[in-house]
Amino acid sequence: MAKKATAKTKAGKSKTAAKSAKAKLAKRSVAAKVAAAKPPKVAPGELVTLLDFVRYAVSRFAEAGVVFAHGTTDPIAEAVFLIGETLHLHPDQFEMFASARVTAREAAAILGLIERRIATRLPAAYLVNKIYMRGVPFYVDERVIVPRSFIGELLDSHFDGGDTSLIDTPEAVERVLDLCTGSGCLAILAAYAFPNATVDAVDLSNDALAVATRNVAEHRLDDRVSLYQGDLFAPLGEARYDLIITNPPYVDADGMASLPAECRAEPAMAFDGGDDGLSIIRRILAEAKDHLTPDGGLLCEVGRCRPQIEDQFPQLPLLWLDSEDSEAEVFWIAAADL
């Protein structure tokens, strides 16, 4: 037994060293790309206002073929986000200052960030270690997928007790579960949406949970949001919930092979849904009923997997929900129908 433990320890150290070396090489590669980038020279006075820099950034992004899929869906939104973060402006403040002049020091910082985005192809959120969901800021880095779930919006539009609500009143929700929590953003938004609820959040990745722990602490929700490391429902025992929310990995093998550079910078396990994209979704559908209260339900984001899901689960009365930027990428099913 002692020999096995020693061998395991050595293997663990070797794996950790290899991972550290790989990370250092990746950082050097990024640094080299930034150093090698030769951005167009901008003379003093050519770009003056925030809007001038937005226009410039949009042109540079288009010229470089940058991909947008991480909380911003177009070059204008990406430019506004990066410029706003450089100037310490919340997205809601940008319009107020759009015609304001930029100082020389601020201009240099903005231009440098635009070129880093192009040269490294890292998601913008990684460059500034921040993303907003529903106007709420969250810390992110390379240990987690950049949050861009539609579930945050749906919690506002379909779980508020209004005419289109799937529940009678948010105050009646007492326990919520967030599976595959990543940065913890959905768990935190759920805590805000359901003021009387405690929220459990699970992820397989210890790295992701470290980021989630930071976000929970920064939002001062340690007393209401509990984080668990494990495989889906495994660490929860027989606990039951009024609502389960999840944005699991759902990219199929073909999709994994064709991910753009920006997405390849994110943890692969946060995307990989197996050959057909449904390997984790199948397990969630199979096990969710055992963890829901009789009047509870499951809210699950599946991207563009609706045809495959309906083909494999024709017996399930899934309700497909739309958001401002998506159509039928999230489904709802009541516990009684599982």
C-alpha atoms as a PDB file:
ATOM      1  CA  MET A   1       0.000   0.000   0.000  1.00  0.00           C
ATOM      2  CA  ALA A   2       2.844   2.400   0.869  1.00  0.00           C
ATOM      3  CA  LYS A   3       4.508   1.871  -2.502  1.00  0.00           C
ATOM      4  CA  LYS A   4       1.257   2.568  -4.333  1.00  0.00           C
ATOM      5  CA  ALA A   5       0.719   5.766  -2.392  1.00  0.00           C
ATOM      6  CA  THR A   6       4.274   6.910  -3.159  1.00  0.00           C
ATOM      7  CA  ALA A   7       3.873   6.140  -6.834  1.00  0.00           C
ATOM      8  CA  LYS A   8       0.586   7.995  -6.922  1.00  0.00           C
ATOM      9  CA  THR A   9       2.161  11.007  -5.218  1.00  0.00           C
ATOM     10  CA  LYS A  10       5.034  11.068  -7.703  1.00  0.00           C
ATOM     11  CA  ALA A  11       2.602  10.765 -10.593  1.00  0.00           C
ATOM     12  CA  GLY A  12       0.542  13.622  -9.174  1.00  0.00           C
ATOM     13  CA  LYS A  13       3.622  15.828  -8.789  1.00  0.00           C
ATOM     14  CA  SER A  14       4.718  14.988 -12.311  1.00  0.00           C
ATOM     15  CA  LYS A  15       1.276  15.819 -13.672  1.00  0.00           C
ATOM     16  CA  THR A  16       1.229  19.106 -11.756  1.00  0.00           C
ATOM     17  CA  ALA A  17       4.702  20.023 -13.014  1.00  0.00           C
ATOM     18  CA  ALA A  18       3.709  19.220 -16.583  1.00  0.00           C
ATOM     19  CA  LYS A  19       0.565  21.327 -16.234  1.00  0.00           C
ATOM     20  CA  SER A  20       2.586  24.224 -14.804  1.00  0.00           C
ATOM     21  CA  ALA A  21       5.139  23.994 -17.612  1.00  0.00           C
ATOM     22  CA  LYS A  22       2.357  23.948 -20.188  1.00  0.00           C
ATOM     23  CA  ALA A  23       0.765  27.035 -18.618  1.00  0.00           C
ATOM     24  CA  LYS A  24       4.108  28.881 -18.667  1.00  0.00           C
ATOM     25  CA  LEU A  25       4.628  28.023 -22.320  1.00  0.00           C
ATOM     26  CA  ALA A  26       1.111  29.211 -23.136  1.00  0.00           C
ATOM     27  CA  LYS A  27       1.748  32.535 -21.380  1.00  0.00           C
ATOM     28  CA  ARG A  28       5.040  32.973 -23.239  1.00  0.00           C
ATOM     29  CA  SER A  29       3.241  32.230 -26.503  1.00  0.00           C
ATOM     30  CA  VAL A  30       0.612  34.861 -25.763  1.00  0.00           C
ATOM     31  CA  ALA A  31       3.304  37.380 -24.797  1.00  0.00           C
ATOM     32  CA  ALA A  32       5.187  36.658 -28.007  1.00  0.00           C
ATOM     33  CA  LYS A  33       2.063  37.192 -30.090  1.00  0.00           C
ATOM     34  CA  VAL A  34       1.410  40.536 -28.433  1.00  0.00           C
ATOM     35  CA  ALA A  35       5.025  41.626 -28.906  1.00  0.00           C
ATOM     36  CA  ALA A  36       4.980  40.562 -32.552  1.00  0.00           C
ATOM     37  CA  ALA A  37       1.742  42.385 -33.321  1.00  0.00           C
ATOM     38  CA  LYS A  38       2.278  45.588 -35.253  1.00  0.00           C
ATOM     39  CA  PRO A  39      -0.909  47.635 -34.894  1.00  0.00           C
ATOM     40  CA  PRO A  40      -1.549  50.568 -37.207  1.00  0.00           C
ATOM     41  CA  LYS A  41      -0.122  53.774 -35.818  1.00  0.00           C
ATOM     42  CA  VAL A  42      -2.701  56.238 -34.553  1.00  0.00           C
ATOM     43  CA  ALA A  43      -1.506  59.836 -34.476  1.00  0.00           C
ATOM     44  CA  PRO A  44      -2.442  62.046 -31.523  1.00  0.00           C
ATOM     45  CA  GLY A  45      -5.797  63.714 -32.088  1.00  0.00           C
ATOM     46  CA  GLU A  46      -7.022  61.264 -34.726  1.00  0.00           C
ATOM     47  CA  LEU A  47      -9.228  59.464 -32.201  1.00  0.00           C
ATOM     48  CA  VAL A  48     -10.870  61.784 -29.695  1.00  0.00           C
ATOM     49  CA  THR A  49     -14.119  60.503 -28.150  1.00  0.00           C
ATOM     50  CA  LEU A  50     -15.258  57.129 -26.830  1.00  0.00           C
ATOM     51  CA  LEU A  51     -17.298  56.672 -30.013  1.00  0.00           C
ATOM     52  CA  ASP A  52     -14.188  57.293 -32.117  1.00  0.00           C
ATOM     53  CA  PHE A  53     -12.477  54.402 -30.339  1.00  0.00           C
ATOM     54  CA  VAL A  54     -15.538  52.183 -30.786  1.00  0.00           C
ATOM     55  CA  ARG A  55     -15.479  52.800 -34.525  1.00  0.00           C
ATOM     56  CA  TYR A  56     -11.735  52.129 -34.664  1.00  0.00           C
ATOM     57  CA  ALA A  57     -12.065  48.893 -32.677  1.00  0.00           C
ATOM     58  CA  VAL A  58     -14.908  47.639 -34.881  1.00  0.00           C
ATOM     59  CA  SER A  59     -12.799  48.240 -37.976  1.00  0.00           C
ATOM     60  CA  ARG A  60      -9.775  46.467 -36.485  1.00  0.00           C
ATOM     61  CA  PHE A  61     -11.879  43.497 -35.361  1.00  0.00           C
ATOM     62  CA  ALA A  62     -13.411  43.162 -38.832  1.00  0.00           C
ATOM     63  CA  GLU A  63     -10.020  43.413 -40.494  1.00  0.00           C
ATOM     64  CA  ALA A  64      -8.606  40.696 -38.235  1.00  0.00           C
ATOM     65  CA  GLY A  65     -11.597  38.351 -38.401  1.00  0.00           C
ATOM     66  CA  VAL A  66     -12.190  38.265 -34.657  1.00  0.00           C
ATOM     67  CA  VAL A  67     -14.930  35.889 -33.431  1.00  0.00           C
ATOM     68  CA  PHE A  68     -17.541  37.039 -30.911  1.00  0.00           C
ATOM     69  CA  ALA A  69     -19.170  34.401 -28.732  1.00  0.00           C
ATOM     70  CA  HIS A  70     -18.463  35.288 -25.133  1.00  0.00           C
ATOM     71  CA  GLY A  71     -21.130  37.527 -23.706  1.00  0.00           C
ATOM     72  CA  THR A  72     -20.892  39.941 -26.640  1.00  0.00           C
ATOM     73  CA  THR A  73     -22.295  38.832 -29.975  1.00  0.00           C
ATOM     74  CA  ASP A  74     -21.036  41.560 -32.317  1.00  0.00           C
ATOM     75  CA  PRO A  75     -18.020  43.848 -32.735  1.00  0.00           C
ATOM     76  CA  ILE A  76     -19.795  46.976 -31.477  1.00  0.00           C
ATOM     77  CA  ALA A  77     -20.799  45.348 -28.184  1.00  0.00           C
ATOM     78  CA  GLU A  78     -17.282  43.926 -27.814  1.00  0.00           C
ATOM     79  CA  ALA A  79     -15.701  47.328 -28.401  1.00  0.00           C
ATOM     80  CA  VAL A  80     -18.034  49.042 -25.949  1.00  0.00           C
ATOM     81  CA  PHE A  81     -17.274  46.377 -23.341  1.00  0.00           C
ATOM     82  CA  LEU A  82     -13.486  46.634 -23.666  1.00  0.00           C
ATOM     83  CA  ILE A  83     -13.442  50.430 -23.772  1.00  0.00           C
ATOM     84  CA  GLY A  84     -15.836  50.669 -20.837  1.00  0.00           C
ATOM     85  CA  GLU A  85     -13.719  48.331 -18.713  1.00  0.00           C
ATOM     86  CA  THR A  86     -10.531  50.238 -19.581  1.00  0.00           C
ATOM     87  CA  LEU A  87     -12.202  53.446 -18.400  1.00  0.00           C
ATOM     88  CA  HIS A  88     -13.880  51.792 -15.378  1.00  0.00           C
ATOM     89  CA  LEU A  89     -17.358  52.466 -16.723  1.00  0.00           C
ATOM     90  CA  HIS A  90     -20.309  50.140 -16.146  1.00  0.00           C
ATOM     91  CA  PRO A  91     -22.016  49.216 -19.462  1.00  0.00           C
ATOM     92  CA  ASP A  92     -25.041  51.292 -18.431  1.00  0.00           C
ATOM     93  CA  GLN A  93     -22.828  54.382 -18.225  1.00  0.00           C
ATOM     94  CA  PHE A  94     -21.307  54.154 -21.698  1.00  0.00           C
ATOM     95  CA  GLU A  95     -24.001  56.078 -23.553  1.00  0.00           C
ATOM     96  CA  MET A  96     -23.752  58.932 -21.045  1.00  0.00           C
ATOM     97  CA  PHE A  97     -20.057  59.385 -21.821  1.00  0.00           C
ATOM     98  CA  ALA A  98     -20.027  58.341 -25.496  1.00  0.00           C
ATOM     99  CA  SER A  99     -19.078  61.822 -26.713  1.00  0.00           C
ATOM    100  CA  ALA A 100     -16.552  62.447 -23.935  1.00  0.00           C
ATOM    101  CA  ARG A 101     -12.911  62.992 -24.863  1.00  0.00           C
ATOM    102  CA  VAL A 102     -10.293  60.377 -23.979  1.00  0.00           C
ATOM    103  CA  THR A 103      -6.959  61.311 -22.389  1.00  0.00           C
ATOM    104  CA  ALA A 104      -3.675  60.295 -23.994  1.00  0.00           C
ATOM    105  CA  ARG A 105      -3.015  57.762 -21.236  1.00  0.00           C
ATOM    106  CA  GLU A 106      -6.501  56.271 -21.578  1.00  0.00           C
ATOM    107  CA  ALA A 107      -6.116  56.130 -25.361  1.00  0.00           C
ATOM    108  CA  ALA A 108      -2.892  54.149 -25.074  1.00  0.00           C
ATOM    109  CA  ALA A 109      -4.561  51.662 -22.713  1.00  0.00           C
ATOM    110  CA  ILE A 110      -7.577  51.229 -25.003  1.00  0.00           C
ATOM    111  CA  LEU A 111      -5.474  50.720 -28.127  1.00  0.00           C
ATOM    112  CA  GLY A 112      -3.241  48.238 -26.307  1.00  0.00           C
ATOM    113  CA  LEU A 113      -6.237  46.199 -25.191  1.00  0.00           C
ATOM    114  CA  ILE A 114      -7.727  46.157 -28.698  1.00  0.00           C
ATOM    115  CA  GLU A 115      -4.459  44.819 -30.093  1.00  0.00           C
ATOM    116  CA  ARG A 116      -4.162  42.197 -27.330  1.00  0.00           C
ATOM    117  CA  ARG A 117      -7.658  40.975 -28.211  1.00  0.00           C
ATOM    118  CA  ILE A 118      -6.625  40.580 -31.840  1.00  0.00           C
ATOM    119  CA  ALA A 119      -3.134  39.160 -31.289  1.00  0.00           C
ATOM    120  CA  THR A 120      -3.993  36.591 -28.602  1.00  0.00           C
ATOM    121  CA  ARG A 121      -7.565  35.686 -29.683  1.00  0.00           C
ATOM    122  CA  LEU A 122      -8.365  35.372 -25.993  1.00  0.00           C
ATOM    123  CA  PRO A 123     -11.978  36.133 -25.046  1.00  0.00           C
ATOM    124  CA  ALA A 124     -12.357  39.764 -24.015  1.00  0.00           C
ATOM    125  CA  ALA A 125     -13.582  38.674 -20.574  1.00  0.00           C
ATOM    126  CA  TYR A 126     -10.233  36.988 -19.878  1.00  0.00           C
ATOM    127  CA  LEU A 127      -8.331  40.137 -20.800  1.00  0.00           C
ATOM    128  CA  VAL A 128     -10.181  42.215 -18.196  1.00  0.00           C
ATOM    129  CA  ASN A 129     -11.140  39.371 -15.809  1.00  0.00           C
ATOM    130  CA  LYS A 130     -14.774  40.405 -15.848  1.00  0.00           C
ATOM    131  CA  ILE A 131     -18.107  39.648 -17.501  1.00  0.00           C
ATOM    132  CA  TYR A 132     -21.587  41.043 -16.943  1.00  0.00           C
ATOM    133  CA  MET A 133     -24.768  38.996 -16.851  1.00  0.00           C
ATOM    134  CA  ARG A 134     -28.016  40.938 -16.489  1.00  0.00           C
ATOM    135  CA  GLY A 135     -25.877  43.935 -15.589  1.00  0.00           C
ATOM    136  CA  VAL A 136     -24.257  42.061 -12.691  1.00  0.00           C
ATOM    137  CA  PRO A 137     -20.431  41.837 -12.735  1.00  0.00           C
ATOM    138  CA  PHE A 138     -18.589  38.543 -12.234  1.00  0.00           C
ATOM    139  CA  TYR A 139     -14.903  37.670 -12.052  1.00  0.00           C
ATOM    140  CA  VAL A 140     -13.646  35.211 -14.696  1.00  0.00           C
ATOM    141  CA  ASP A 141     -10.312  33.821 -15.860  1.00  0.00           C
ATOM    142  CA  GLU A 142      -9.030  30.898 -17.931  1.00  0.00           C
ATOM    143  CA  ARG A 143     -10.122  28.368 -15.304  1.00  0.00           C
ATOM    144  CA  VAL A 144     -13.776  28.743 -16.301  1.00  0.00           C
ATOM    145  CA  ILE A 145     -15.833  29.060 -19.433  1.00  0.00           C
ATOM    146  CA  VAL A 146     -16.878  32.650 -20.089  1.00  0.00           C
ATOM    147  CA  PRO A 147     -20.536  32.871 -18.947  1.00  0.00           C
ATOM    148  CA  ARG A 148     -23.051  33.569 -21.729  1.00  0.00           C
ATOM    149  CA  SER A 149     -26.101  31.584 -20.666  1.00  0.00           C
ATOM    150  CA  PHE A 150     -29.637  32.660 -21.551  1.00  0.00           C
ATOM    151  CA  ILE A 151     -30.897  31.278 -18.248  1.00  0.00           C
ATOM    152  CA  GLY A 152     -30.144  34.514 -16.398  1.00  0.00           C
ATOM    153  CA  GLU A 153     -32.615  36.379 -18.607  1.00  0.00           C
ATOM    154  CA  LEU A 154     -35.200  33.592 -18.303  1.00  0.00           C
ATOM    155  CA  LEU A 155     -35.062  33.754 -14.508  1.00  0.00           C
ATOM    156  CA  ASP A 156     -36.234  37.350 -14.859  1.00  0.00           C
ATOM    157  CA  SER A 157     -38.845  36.776 -17.564  1.00  0.00           C
ATOM    158  CA  HIS A 158     -40.330  33.370 -16.657  1.00  0.00           C
ATOM    159  CA  PHE A 159     -39.873  33.023 -12.895  1.00  0.00           C
ATOM    160  CA  ASP A 160     -41.006  36.415 -11.632  1.00  0.00           C
ATOM    161  CA  GLY A 161     -44.607  35.526 -10.766  1.00  0.00           C
ATOM    162  CA  GLY A 162     -45.967  37.526 -13.736  1.00  0.00           C
ATOM    163  CA  ASP A 163     -48.277  36.515 -16.582  1.00  0.00           C
ATOM    164  CA  THR A 164     -45.619  34.431 -18.372  1.00  0.00           C
ATOM    165  CA  SER A 165     -44.157  32.985 -15.165  1.00  0.00           C
ATOM    166  CA  LEU A 166     -43.697  29.239 -14.781  1.00  0.00           C
ATOM    167  CA  ILE A 167     -44.044  29.577 -11.004  1.00  0.00           C
ATOM    168  CA  ASP A 168     -46.643  31.339  -8.859  1.00  0.00           C
ATOM    169  CA  THR A 169     -44.250  33.423  -6.805  1.00  0.00           C
ATOM    170  CA  PRO A 170     -40.451  33.645  -6.523  1.00  0.00           C
ATOM    171  CA  GLU A 171     -40.734  34.013  -2.753  1.00  0.00           C
ATOM    172  CA  ALA A 172     -42.098  30.459  -2.502  1.00  0.00           C
ATOM    173  CA  VAL A 173     -38.919  28.912  -3.953  1.00  0.00           C
ATOM    174  CA  GLU A 174     -36.855  27.602  -1.045  1.00  0.00           C
ATOM    175  CA  ARG A 175     -34.138  25.441  -2.621  1.00  0.00           C
ATOM    176  CA  VAL A 176     -32.370  25.818  -5.980  1.00  0.00           C
ATOM    177  CA  LEU A 177     -29.682  23.663  -7.581  1.00  0.00           C
ATOM    178  CA  ASP A 178     -27.255  24.868 -10.252  1.00  0.00           C
ATOM    179  CA  LEU A 179     -25.498  21.996 -12.029  1.00  0.00           C
ATOM    180  CA  CYS A 180     -22.232  22.598 -13.921  1.00  0.00           C
ATOM    181  CA  THR A 181     -21.988  25.977 -12.192  1.00  0.00           C
ATOM    182  CA  GLY A 182     -18.600  27.062 -13.593  1.00  0.00           C
ATOM    183  CA  SER A 183     -17.991  30.600 -12.332  1.00  0.00           C
ATOM    184  CA  GLY A 184     -21.107  30.431 -10.144  1.00  0.00           C
ATOM    185  CA  CYS A 185     -22.851  33.239 -12.029  1.00  0.00           C
ATOM    186  CA  LEU A 186     -26.191  31.450 -12.479  1.00  0.00           C
ATOM    187  CA  ALA A 187     -26.234  30.307  -8.865  1.00  0.00           C
ATOM    188  CA  ILE A 188     -25.704  33.913  -7.777  1.00  0.00           C
ATOM    189  CA  LEU A 189     -28.377  35.252 -10.143  1.00  0.00           C
ATOM    190  CA  ALA A 190     -30.735  32.590  -8.790  1.00  0.00           C
ATOM    191  CA  ALA A 191     -30.034  33.766  -5.243  1.00  0.00           C
ATOM    192  CA  TYR A 192     -31.014  37.283  -6.309  1.00  0.00           C
ATOM    193  CA  ALA A 193     -34.117  36.058  -8.177  1.00  0.00           C
ATOM    194  CA  PHE A 194     -35.414  33.927  -5.294  1.00  0.00           C
ATOM    195  CA  PRO A 195     -34.875  35.914  -2.089  1.00  0.00           C
ATOM    196  CA  ASN A 196     -35.987  33.136   0.269  1.00  0.00           C
ATOM    197  CA  ALA A 197     -33.987  30.351  -1.363  1.00  0.00           C
ATOM    198  CA  THR A 198     -30.729  28.657  -0.533  1.00  0.00           C
ATOM    199  CA  VAL A 199     -28.739  27.631  -3.607  1.00  0.00           C
ATOM    200  CA  ASP A 200     -26.494  24.592  -4.065  1.00  0.00           C
ATOM    201  CA  ALA A 201     -24.046  24.707  -6.962  1.00  0.00           C
ATOM    202  CA  VAL A 202     -22.039  21.757  -8.306  1.00  0.00           C
ATOM    203  CA  ASP A 203     -19.098  21.460 -10.666  1.00  0.00           C
ATOM    204  CA  LEU A 204     -16.631  18.702 -11.495  1.00  0.00           C
ATOM    205  CA  SER A 205     -13.735  21.147 -11.807  1.00  0.00           C
ATOM    206  CA  ASN A 206     -11.915  22.320  -8.685  1.00  0.00           C
ATOM    207  CA  ASP A 207     -10.461  25.170 -10.739  1.00  0.00           C
ATOM    208  CA  ALA A 208     -13.938  26.378 -11.679  1.00  0.00           C
ATOM    209  CA  LEU A 209     -15.080  26.132  -8.064  1.00  0.00           C
ATOM    210  CA  ALA A 210     -12.174  28.337  -6.995  1.00  0.00           C
ATOM    211  CA  VAL A 211     -13.515  31.055  -9.295  1.00  0.00           C
ATOM    212  CA  ALA A 212     -17.082  30.432  -8.096  1.00  0.00           C
ATOM    213  CA  THR A 213     -15.923  30.744  -4.486  1.00  0.00           C
ATOM    214  CA  ARG A 214     -14.465  34.164  -5.269  1.00  0.00           C
ATOM    215  CA  ASN A 215     -17.688  35.320  -6.941  1.00  0.00           C
ATOM    216  CA  VAL A 216     -19.910  34.079  -4.118  1.00  0.00           C
ATOM    217  CA  ALA A 217     -17.718  35.912  -1.614  1.00  0.00           C
ATOM    218  CA  GLU A 218     -17.637  39.136  -3.647  1.00  0.00           C
ATOM    219  CA  HIS A 219     -21.447  39.100  -3.808  1.00  0.00           C
ATOM    220  CA  ARG A 220     -21.602  38.345  -0.070  1.00  0.00           C
ATOM    221  CA  LEU A 221     -23.774  35.276  -0.555  1.00  0.00           C
ATOM    222  CA  ASP A 222     -21.712  32.740   1.429  1.00  0.00           C
ATOM    223  CA  ASP A 223     -24.677  32.167   3.741  1.00  0.00           C
ATOM    224  CA  ARG A 224     -27.035  31.312   0.874  1.00  0.00           C
ATOM    225  CA  VAL A 225     -24.914  29.729  -1.884  1.00  0.00           C
ATOM    226  CA  SER A 226     -23.081  26.456  -1.154  1.00  0.00           C
ATOM    227  CA  LEU A 227     -20.546  24.984  -3.596  1.00  0.00           C
ATOM    228  CA  TYR A 228     -19.933  21.259  -4.115  1.00  0.00           C
ATOM    229  CA  GLN A 229     -17.265  19.435  -6.103  1.00  0.00           C
ATOM    230  CA  GLY A 230     -18.484  16.334  -7.896  1.00  0.00           C
ATOM    231  CA  ASP A 231     -20.173  14.706 -10.851  1.00  0.00           C
ATOM    232  CA  LEU A 232     -23.665  16.172 -11.300  1.00  0.00           C
ATOM    233  CA  PHE A 233     -25.944  14.952  -8.466  1.00  0.00           C
ATOM    234  CA  ALA A 234     -23.327  12.721  -6.818  1.00  0.00           C
ATOM    235  CA  PRO A 235     -22.290  15.042  -3.953  1.00  0.00           C
ATOM    236  CA  LEU A 236     -25.878  15.955  -3.015  1.00  0.00           C
ATOM    237  CA  GLY A 237     -27.162  12.735  -1.472  1.00  0.00           C
ATOM    238  CA  GLU A 238     -30.967  12.651  -1.459  1.00  0.00           C
ATOM    239  CA  ALA A 239     -31.476  16.418  -1.453  1.00  0.00           C
ATOM    240  CA  ARG A 240     -34.487  17.749  -3.356  1.00  0.00           C
ATOM    241  CA  TYR A 241     -35.021  21.147  -4.947  1.00  0.00           C
ATOM    242  CA  ASP A 242     -37.863  23.378  -6.087  1.00  0.00           C
ATOM    243  CA  LEU A 243     -35.835  24.330  -9.148  1.00  0.00           C
ATOM    244  CA  ILE A 244     -32.846  22.855 -10.958  1.00  0.00           C
ATOM    245  CA  ILE A 245     -31.027  25.071 -13.446  1.00  0.00           C
ATOM    246  CA  THR A 246     -28.173  23.890 -15.640  1.00  0.00           C
ATOM    247  CA  ASN A 247     -26.097  24.976 -18.613  1.00  0.00           C
ATOM    248  CA  PRO A 248     -24.164  21.732 -19.176  1.00  0.00           C
ATOM    249  CA  PRO A 249     -21.606  20.902 -21.886  1.00  0.00           C
ATOM    250  CA  TYR A 250     -23.492  20.162 -25.112  1.00  0.00           C
ATOM    251  CA  VAL A 251     -21.056  20.562 -28.038  1.00  0.00           C
ATOM    252  CA  ASP A 252     -20.810  17.417 -30.176  1.00  0.00           C
ATOM    253  CA  ALA A 253     -17.615  15.904 -31.602  1.00  0.00           C
ATOM    254  CA  ASP A 254     -17.833  17.810 -34.892  1.00  0.00           C
ATOM    255  CA  GLY A 255     -18.400  21.065 -33.034  1.00  0.00           C
ATOM    256  CA  MET A 256     -15.441  20.431 -30.731  1.00  0.00           C
ATOM    257  CA  ALA A 257     -13.200  19.914 -33.751  1.00  0.00           C
ATOM    258  CA  SER A 258     -14.226  23.251 -35.275  1.00  0.00           C
ATOM    259  CA  LEU A 259     -14.230  25.560 -32.251  1.00  0.00           C
ATOM    260  CA  PRO A 260     -12.797  29.017 -33.044  1.00  0.00           C
ATOM    261  CA  ALA A 261      -9.548  30.101 -31.392  1.00  0.00           C
ATOM    262  CA  GLU A 262     -11.402  32.165 -28.798  1.00  0.00           C
ATOM    263  CA  CYS A 263     -13.357  29.111 -27.606  1.00  0.00           C
ATOM    264  CA  ARG A 264     -10.281  26.880 -27.620  1.00  0.00           C
ATOM    265  CA  ALA A 265      -8.838  29.184 -24.971  1.00  0.00           C
ATOM    266  CA  GLU A 266     -11.601  28.033 -22.602  1.00  0.00           C
ATOM    267  CA  PRO A 267     -11.667  24.731 -20.653  1.00  0.00           C
ATOM    268  CA  ALA A 268     -12.597  21.976 -23.112  1.00  0.00           C
ATOM    269  CA  MET A 269     -14.583  20.065 -20.490  1.00  0.00           C
ATOM    270  CA  ALA A 270     -17.029  22.978 -20.286  1.00  0.00           C
ATOM    271  CA  PHE A 271     -17.989  22.382 -23.934  1.00  0.00           C
ATOM    272  CA  ASP A 272     -17.586  18.656 -24.555  1.00  0.00           C
ATOM    273  CA  GLY A 273     -20.953  16.884 -24.600  1.00  0.00           C
ATOM    274  CA  GLY A 274     -19.713  13.642 -26.174  1.00  0.00           C
ATOM    275  CA  ASP A 275     -20.139  12.357 -29.712  1.00  0.00           C
ATOM    276  CA  ASP A 276     -23.667  13.726 -30.172  1.00  0.00           C
ATOM    277  CA  GLY A 277     -23.533  16.466 -27.552  1.00  0.00           C
ATOM    278  CA  LEU A 278     -26.115  14.792 -25.301  1.00  0.00           C
ATOM    279  CA  SER A 279     -24.067  12.580 -22.993  1.00  0.00           C
ATOM    280  CA  ILE A 280     -24.458  14.824 -19.936  1.00  0.00           C
ATOM    281  CA  ILE A 281     -27.964  16.012 -20.821  1.00  0.00           C
ATOM    282  CA  ARG A 282     -29.153  12.374 -20.895  1.00  0.00           C
ATOM    283  CA  ARG A 283     -27.878  11.839 -17.370  1.00  0.00           C
ATOM    284  CA  ILE A 284     -29.495  15.018 -16.104  1.00  0.00           C
ATOM    285  CA  LEU A 285     -32.862  14.048 -17.576  1.00  0.00           C
ATOM    286  CA  ALA A 286     -32.555  10.550 -16.125  1.00  0.00           C
ATOM    287  CA  GLU A 287     -31.644  11.677 -12.598  1.00  0.00           C
ATOM    288  CA  ALA A 288     -33.364  15.039 -12.121  1.00  0.00           C
ATOM    289  CA  LYS A 289     -36.710  13.666 -10.942  1.00  0.00           C
ATOM    290  CA  ASP A 290     -35.036  12.047  -7.921  1.00  0.00           C
ATOM    291  CA  HIS A 291     -33.842  15.504  -6.839  1.00  0.00           C
ATOM    292  CA  LEU A 292     -36.943  17.609  -7.477  1.00  0.00           C
ATOM    293  CA  THR A 293     -39.850  18.366  -5.156  1.00  0.00           C
ATOM    294  CA  PRO A 294     -43.265  17.281  -6.519  1.00  0.00           C
ATOM    295  CA  ASP A 295     -44.029  20.806  -7.788  1.00  0.00           C
ATOM    296  CA  GLY A 296     -40.482  21.538  -8.934  1.00  0.00           C
ATOM    297  CA  GLY A 297     -38.978  21.639 -12.395  1.00  0.00           C
ATOM    298  CA  LEU A 298     -35.834  21.575 -14.527  1.00  0.00           C
ATOM    299  CA  LEU A 299     -34.539  24.497 -16.616  1.00  0.00           C
ATOM    300  CA  CYS A 300     -31.812  23.298 -19.008  1.00  0.00           C
ATOM    301  CA  GLU A 301     -29.841  25.081 -21.718  1.00  0.00           C
ATOM    302  CA  VAL A 302     -28.910  22.899 -24.690  1.00  0.00           C
ATOM    303  CA  GLY A 303     -27.802  25.236 -27.465  1.00  0.00           C
ATOM    304  CA  ARG A 304     -28.937  24.006 -30.865  1.00  0.00           C
ATOM    305  CA  CYS A 305     -29.575  20.432 -29.700  1.00  0.00           C
ATOM    306  CA  ARG A 306     -33.373  20.645 -29.807  1.00  0.00           C
ATOM    307  CA  PRO A 307     -33.802  18.324 -32.828  1.00  0.00           C
ATOM    308  CA  GLN A 308     -31.611  15.602 -31.291  1.00  0.00           C
ATOM    309  CA  ILE A 309     -33.330  15.879 -27.912  1.00  0.00           C
ATOM    310  CA  GLU A 310     -36.830  15.713 -29.360  1.00  0.00           C
ATOM    311  CA  ASP A 311     -35.786  12.739 -31.473  1.00  0.00           C
ATOM    312  CA  GLN A 312     -34.436  10.817 -28.462  1.00  0.00           C
ATOM    313  CA  PHE A 313     -37.048  11.910 -25.896  1.00  0.00           C
ATOM    314  CA  PRO A 314     -40.328  12.165 -27.833  1.00  0.00           C
ATOM    315  CA  GLN A 315     -42.294  11.210 -24.694  1.00  0.00           C
ATOM    316  CA  LEU A 316     -41.185  14.289 -22.731  1.00  0.00           C
ATOM    317  CA  PRO A 317     -43.446  17.383 -22.913  1.00  0.00           C
ATOM    318  CA  LEU A 318     -40.606  19.876 -23.071  1.00  0.00           C
ATOM    319  CA  LEU A 319     -41.498  23.569 -23.104  1.00  0.00           C
ATOM    320  CA  TRP A 320     -38.999  25.454 -25.256  1.00  0.00           C
ATOM    321  CA  LEU A 321     -38.302  29.031 -24.188  1.00  0.00           C
ATOM    322  CA  ASP A 322     -37.052  32.006 -26.175  1.00  0.00           C
ATOM    323  CA  SER A 323     -34.930  34.891 -24.959  1.00  0.00           C
ATOM    324  CA  GLU A 324     -33.952  38.186 -26.566  1.00  0.00           C
ATOM    325  CA  ASP A 325     -31.016  36.562 -28.357  1.00  0.00           C
ATOM    326  CA  SER A 326     -32.047  32.913 -28.620  1.00  0.00           C
ATOM    327  CA  GLU A 327     -34.836  30.730 -29.921  1.00  0.00           C
ATOM    328  CA  ALA A 328     -35.596  27.352 -28.338  1.00  0.00           C
ATOM    329  CA  GLU A 329     -32.151  26.831 -26.793  1.00  0.00           C
ATOM    330  CA  VAL A 330     -33.505  26.301 -23.270  1.00  0.00           C
ATOM    331  CA  PHE A 331     -36.226  23.908 -22.162  1.00  0.00           C
ATOM    332  CA  TRP A 332     -38.389  23.640 -19.062  1.00  0.00           C
ATOM    333  CA  ILE A 333     -39.985  20.454 -17.788  1.00  0.00           C
ATOM    334  CA  ALA A 334     -41.983  19.948 -14.618  1.00  0.00           C
ATOM    335  CA  ALA A 335     -40.981  17.224 -12.157  1.00  0.00           C
ATOM    336  CA  ALA A 336     -44.301  15.455 -12.694  1.00  0.00           C
ATOM    337  CA  ASP A 337     -43.510  15.053 -16.412  1.00  0.00           C
ATOM    338  CA  LEU A 338     -40.048  13.537 -16.011  1.00  0.00           C
END
